[in-house]
C-alpha atoms as a PDB file:
ATOM      1  CA  MET A   1       0.000   0.000   0.000  1.00  0.00           C
ATOM      2  CA  THR A   2       1.416   3.343  -0.989  1.00  0.00           C
ATOM      3  CA  ILE A   3       1.290   6.396   1.221  1.00  0.00           C
ATOM      4  CA  SER A   4      -0.986   8.230  -1.203  1.00  0.00           C
ATOM      5  CA  LYS A   5      -3.381   5.265  -1.340  1.00  0.00           C
ATOM      6  CA  PHE A   6      -3.420   5.138   2.450  1.00  0.00           C
ATOM      7  CA  PHE A   7      -4.303   8.829   2.756  1.00  0.00           C
ATOM      8  CA  LYS A   8      -6.991   8.501   0.092  1.00  0.00           C
ATOM      9  CA  GLU A   9      -8.576   5.569   1.945  1.00  0.00           C
ATOM     10  CA  LEU A  10      -8.176   7.350   5.291  1.00  0.00           C
ATOM     11  CA  ALA A  11     -10.020  10.368   3.879  1.00  0.00           C
ATOM     12  CA  ILE A  12     -12.860   8.125   2.702  1.00  0.00           C
ATOM     13  CA  ALA A  13     -13.084   6.275   6.038  1.00  0.00           C
ATOM     14  CA  ALA A  14     -12.808   9.441   8.134  1.00  0.00           C
ATOM     15  CA  GLY A  15     -15.342  11.194   5.904  1.00  0.00           C
ATOM     16  CA  GLY A  16     -17.797   8.334   6.289  1.00  0.00           C
ATOM     17  CA  VAL A  17     -17.457   8.408  10.062  1.00  0.00           C
ATOM     18  CA  ALA A  18     -17.803  12.209  10.045  1.00  0.00           C
ATOM     19  CA  VAL A  19     -21.067  12.019   8.082  1.00  0.00           C
ATOM     20  CA  THR A  20     -22.353   9.343  10.464  1.00  0.00           C
ATOM     21  CA  LEU A  21     -21.487  11.489  13.486  1.00  0.00           C
ATOM     22  CA  PHE A  22     -23.064  14.574  11.925  1.00  0.00           C
ATOM     23  CA  ILE A  23     -26.305  12.659  11.355  1.00  0.00           C
ATOM     24  CA  LEU A  24     -26.188  11.211  14.881  1.00  0.00           C
ATOM     25  CA  HIS A  25     -25.775  14.695  16.380  1.00  0.00           C
ATOM     26  CA  GLN A  26     -29.044  15.770  14.744  1.00  0.00           C
ATOM     27  CA  VAL A  27     -30.902  13.476  17.157  1.00  0.00           C
ATOM     28  CA  ASP A  28     -31.889  15.368  20.318  1.00  0.00           C
ATOM     29  CA  LYS A  29     -30.447  12.780  22.715  1.00  0.00           C
ATOM     30  CA  PHE A  30     -27.009  13.138  21.081  1.00  0.00           C
ATOM     31  CA  SER A  31     -27.020  16.864  20.366  1.00  0.00           C
ATOM     32  CA  HIS A  32     -24.838  17.617  23.420  1.00  0.00           C
ATOM     33  CA  LEU A  33     -22.056  15.209  22.380  1.00  0.00           C
ATOM     34  CA  PRO A  34     -20.269  16.810  19.406  1.00  0.00           C
ATOM     35  CA  PRO A  35     -17.175  17.923  21.366  1.00  0.00           C
ATOM     36  CA  PHE A  36     -16.569  14.396  22.652  1.00  0.00           C
ATOM     37  CA  SER A  37     -17.462  12.735  19.336  1.00  0.00           C
ATOM     38  CA  TRP A  38     -15.153  14.944  17.299  1.00  0.00           C
ATOM     39  CA  SER A  39     -12.349  14.533  19.832  1.00  0.00           C
ATOM     40  CA  CYS A  40     -12.680  10.755  19.453  1.00  0.00           C
ATOM     41  CA  TRP A  41     -12.742  11.127  15.680  1.00  0.00           C
ATOM     42  CA  LEU A  42      -9.537  13.196  15.686  1.00  0.00           C
ATOM     43  CA  PHE A  43      -7.848  10.786  18.102  1.00  0.00           C
ATOM     44  CA  PHE A  44      -8.605   7.800  15.859  1.00  0.00           C
ATOM     45  CA  VAL A  45      -7.524   9.602  12.665  1.00  0.00           C
ATOM     46  CA  VAL A  46      -4.163  10.479  14.210  1.00  0.00           C
ATOM     47  CA  PHE A  47      -3.800   6.995  15.704  1.00  0.00           C
ATOM     48  CA  SER A  48      -4.513   5.409  12.300  1.00  0.00           C
ATOM     49  CA  MET A  49      -1.760   7.503  10.722  1.00  0.00           C
ATOM     50  CA  ALA A  50       0.698   6.439  13.432  1.00  0.00           C
ATOM     51  CA  VAL A  51      -0.273   2.782  12.997  1.00  0.00           C
ATOM     52  CA  PHE A  52       0.251   3.025   9.246  1.00  0.00           C
ATOM     53  CA  PHE A  53       3.714   4.578   9.399  1.00  0.00           C
ATOM     54  CA  PHE A  54       4.994   2.302  12.165  1.00  0.00           C
ATOM     55  CA  GLY A  55       3.335  -0.698  10.513  1.00  0.00           C
ATOM     56  CA  LEU A  56       4.941   0.155   7.161  1.00  0.00           C
ATOM     57  CA  GLN A  57       8.348   0.338   8.792  1.00  0.00           C
ATOM     58  CA  ALA A  58       7.767  -2.989  10.591  1.00  0.00           C
ATOM     59  CA  ALA A  59       6.502  -4.653   7.395  1.00  0.00           C
ATOM     60  CA  ARG A  60       9.674  -3.656   5.549  1.00  0.00           C
ATOM     61  CA  SER A  61      11.874  -5.040   8.314  1.00  0.00           C
ATOM     62  CA  SER A  62      13.914  -8.122   7.514  1.00  0.00           C
ATOM     63  CA  ASN A  63      12.646  -9.635  10.772  1.00  0.00           C
ATOM     64  CA  ARG A  64       9.049 -10.757  10.111  1.00  0.00           C
ATOM     65  CA  HIS A  65       8.403 -10.894  13.842  1.00  0.00           C
ATOM     66  CA  ASP A  66       8.669  -7.092  13.924  1.00  0.00           C
ATOM     67  CA  PHE A  67       5.399  -6.757  12.000  1.00  0.00           C
ATOM     68  CA  THR A  68       3.568  -9.264  14.203  1.00  0.00           C
ATOM     69  CA  ASN A  69       4.882  -7.606  17.356  1.00  0.00           C
ATOM     70  CA  ALA A  70       3.920  -4.164  16.054  1.00  0.00           C
ATOM     71  CA  SER A  71       0.405  -5.343  15.170  1.00  0.00           C
ATOM     72  CA  MET A  72      -0.172  -6.857  18.593  1.00  0.00           C
ATOM     73  CA  GLY A  73       1.291  -3.782  20.266  1.00  0.00           C
ATOM     74  CA  PHE A  74      -1.012  -1.465  18.302  1.00  0.00           C
ATOM     75  CA  ILE A  75      -4.074  -3.449  19.349  1.00  0.00           C
ATOM     76  CA  PHE A  76      -3.107  -3.348  23.023  1.00  0.00           C
ATOM     77  CA  PHE A  77      -2.022   0.300  22.924  1.00  0.00           C
ATOM     78  CA  LYS A  78      -5.238   1.371  21.170  1.00  0.00           C
ATOM     79  CA  MET A  79      -7.396  -0.410  23.737  1.00  0.00           C
ATOM     80  CA  MET A  80      -5.491   1.154  26.633  1.00  0.00           C
ATOM     81  CA  LEU A  81      -5.616   4.640  25.111  1.00  0.00           C
ATOM     82  CA  SER A  82      -9.316   4.241  24.376  1.00  0.00           C
ATOM     83  CA  VAL A  83     -10.113   3.195  27.929  1.00  0.00           C
ATOM     84  CA  GLY A  84      -8.057   6.127  29.198  1.00  0.00           C
ATOM     85  CA  PHE A  85      -9.785   8.536  26.810  1.00  0.00           C
ATOM     86  CA  VAL A  86     -13.249   7.485  28.029  1.00  0.00           C
ATOM     87  CA  PHE A  87     -12.133   7.459  31.672  1.00  0.00           C
ATOM     88  CA  VAL A  88     -10.775  11.014  31.456  1.00  0.00           C
ATOM     89  CA  PHE A  89     -13.955  12.204  29.719  1.00  0.00           C
ATOM     90  CA  VAL A  90     -16.166  10.683  32.420  1.00  0.00           C
ATOM     91  CA  LYS A  91     -14.043  12.101  35.251  1.00  0.00           C
ATOM     92  CA  LEU A  92     -13.872  15.618  33.772  1.00  0.00           C
ATOM     93  CA  ASN A  93     -17.417  15.964  32.417  1.00  0.00           C
ATOM     94  CA  LYS A  94     -19.533  13.662  34.591  1.00  0.00           C
ATOM     95  CA  PRO A  95     -22.017  12.909  31.779  1.00  0.00           C
ATOM     96  CA  PRO A  96     -25.676  12.552  32.866  1.00  0.00           C
ATOM     97  CA  ASP A  97     -26.122   9.326  30.886  1.00  0.00           C
ATOM     98  CA  ALA A  98     -24.106   6.700  29.071  1.00  0.00           C
ATOM     99  CA  LEU A  99     -25.147   7.772  25.553  1.00  0.00           C
ATOM    100  CA  PHE A 100     -21.699   9.270  24.948  1.00  0.00           C
ATOM    101  CA  ILE A 101     -20.400   5.745  24.483  1.00  0.00           C
ATOM    102  CA  ILE A 102     -22.356   5.289  21.225  1.00  0.00           C
ATOM    103  CA  PRO A 103     -20.376   7.845  19.167  1.00  0.00           C
ATOM    104  CA  PHE A 104     -17.206   6.534  20.787  1.00  0.00           C
ATOM    105  CA  PHE A 105     -17.963   2.979  19.637  1.00  0.00           C
ATOM    106  CA  ILE A 106     -18.912   4.188  16.163  1.00  0.00           C
ATOM    107  CA  ASN A 107     -15.470   5.771  15.915  1.00  0.00           C
ATOM    108  CA  TYR A 108     -13.702   2.804  17.491  1.00  0.00           C
ATOM    109  CA  LEU A 109     -15.406   0.195  15.321  1.00  0.00           C
ATOM    110  CA  CYS A 110     -15.055   2.029  11.998  1.00  0.00           C
ATOM    111  CA  PHE A 111     -11.410   2.941  12.503  1.00  0.00           C
ATOM    112  CA  THR A 112     -10.567  -0.535  13.797  1.00  0.00           C
ATOM    113  CA  ILE A 113     -12.039  -2.061  10.628  1.00  0.00           C
ATOM    114  CA  PHE A 114     -10.064   0.431   8.540  1.00  0.00           C
ATOM    115  CA  GLU A 115      -6.816  -0.276  10.416  1.00  0.00           C
ATOM    116  CA  THR A 116      -7.290  -4.025  10.152  1.00  0.00           C
ATOM    117  CA  ARG A 117      -7.797  -3.715   6.410  1.00  0.00           C
ATOM    118  CA  PHE A 118      -4.656  -1.718   5.752  1.00  0.00           C
ATOM    119  CA  MET A 119      -2.570  -3.761   8.191  1.00  0.00           C
ATOM    120  CA  ILE A 120      -3.499  -6.889   6.230  1.00  0.00           C
ATOM    121  CA  GLN A 121      -2.268  -5.125   3.088  1.00  0.00           C
ATOM    122  CA  LEU A 122       0.934  -4.047   4.839  1.00  0.00           C
ATOM    123  CA  GLY A 123       1.476  -7.624   5.990  1.00  0.00           C
ATOM    124  CA  LYS A 124       1.778  -8.670   2.339  1.00  0.00           C
ATOM    125  CA  ILE A 125       4.790  -6.419   1.785  1.00  0.00           C
ATOM    126  CA  ARG A 126       7.994  -8.341   1.189  1.00  0.00           C
ATOM    127  CA  PRO A 127      10.631  -7.477   3.763  1.00  0.00           C
ATOM    128  CA  GLN A 128      13.754  -5.713   2.651  1.00  0.00           C
ATOM    129  CA  ARG A 129      16.750  -7.995   2.579  1.00  0.00           C
ATOM    130  CA  PRO A 130      19.868  -6.820   4.341  1.00  0.00           C
ATOM    131  CA  ALA A 131      22.510  -5.655   1.895  1.00  0.00           C
ATOM    132  CA  LYS A 132      25.083  -8.303   1.108  1.00  0.00           C
ATOM    133  CA  GLN A 133      28.539  -7.457   2.249  1.00  0.00           C
ATOM    134  CA  THR A 134      31.329  -7.890  -0.193  1.00  0.00           C
ATOM    135  CA  SER A 135      34.796  -8.560   0.965  1.00  0.00           C
ATOM    136  CA  GLU A 136      37.570  -6.769  -0.785  1.00  0.00           C
ATOM    137  CA  VAL A 137      40.977  -8.290  -0.601  1.00  0.00           C
END
């Protein structure tokens, strides 16, 4: 996957999520959630970019375990950051109901599907072979 293809697909995925959030915010019960929803959206866009660039580097590594380790690390790190993001929101804003979790899960699910898709494509990249050393006598 090229960098330009990644950004094109990211724009499509992020745009689709943005439209979904915009429609959701038109419903009265969710009309107070745009700041949280858009913060989640921005978090997941930036996280997806980081995953792509680190994943690309790991996929090109001559050690195939680097890509597997990076993939597993991204999954764990994303879950921990997500839990922390929600925890901080709840502590700072004390929401009156749990409806805020719906836009969060829309973001989480859509971006996780997107990341899984491009990580599968990155996993197909052939690793770069270390340069052969020539001995000069």
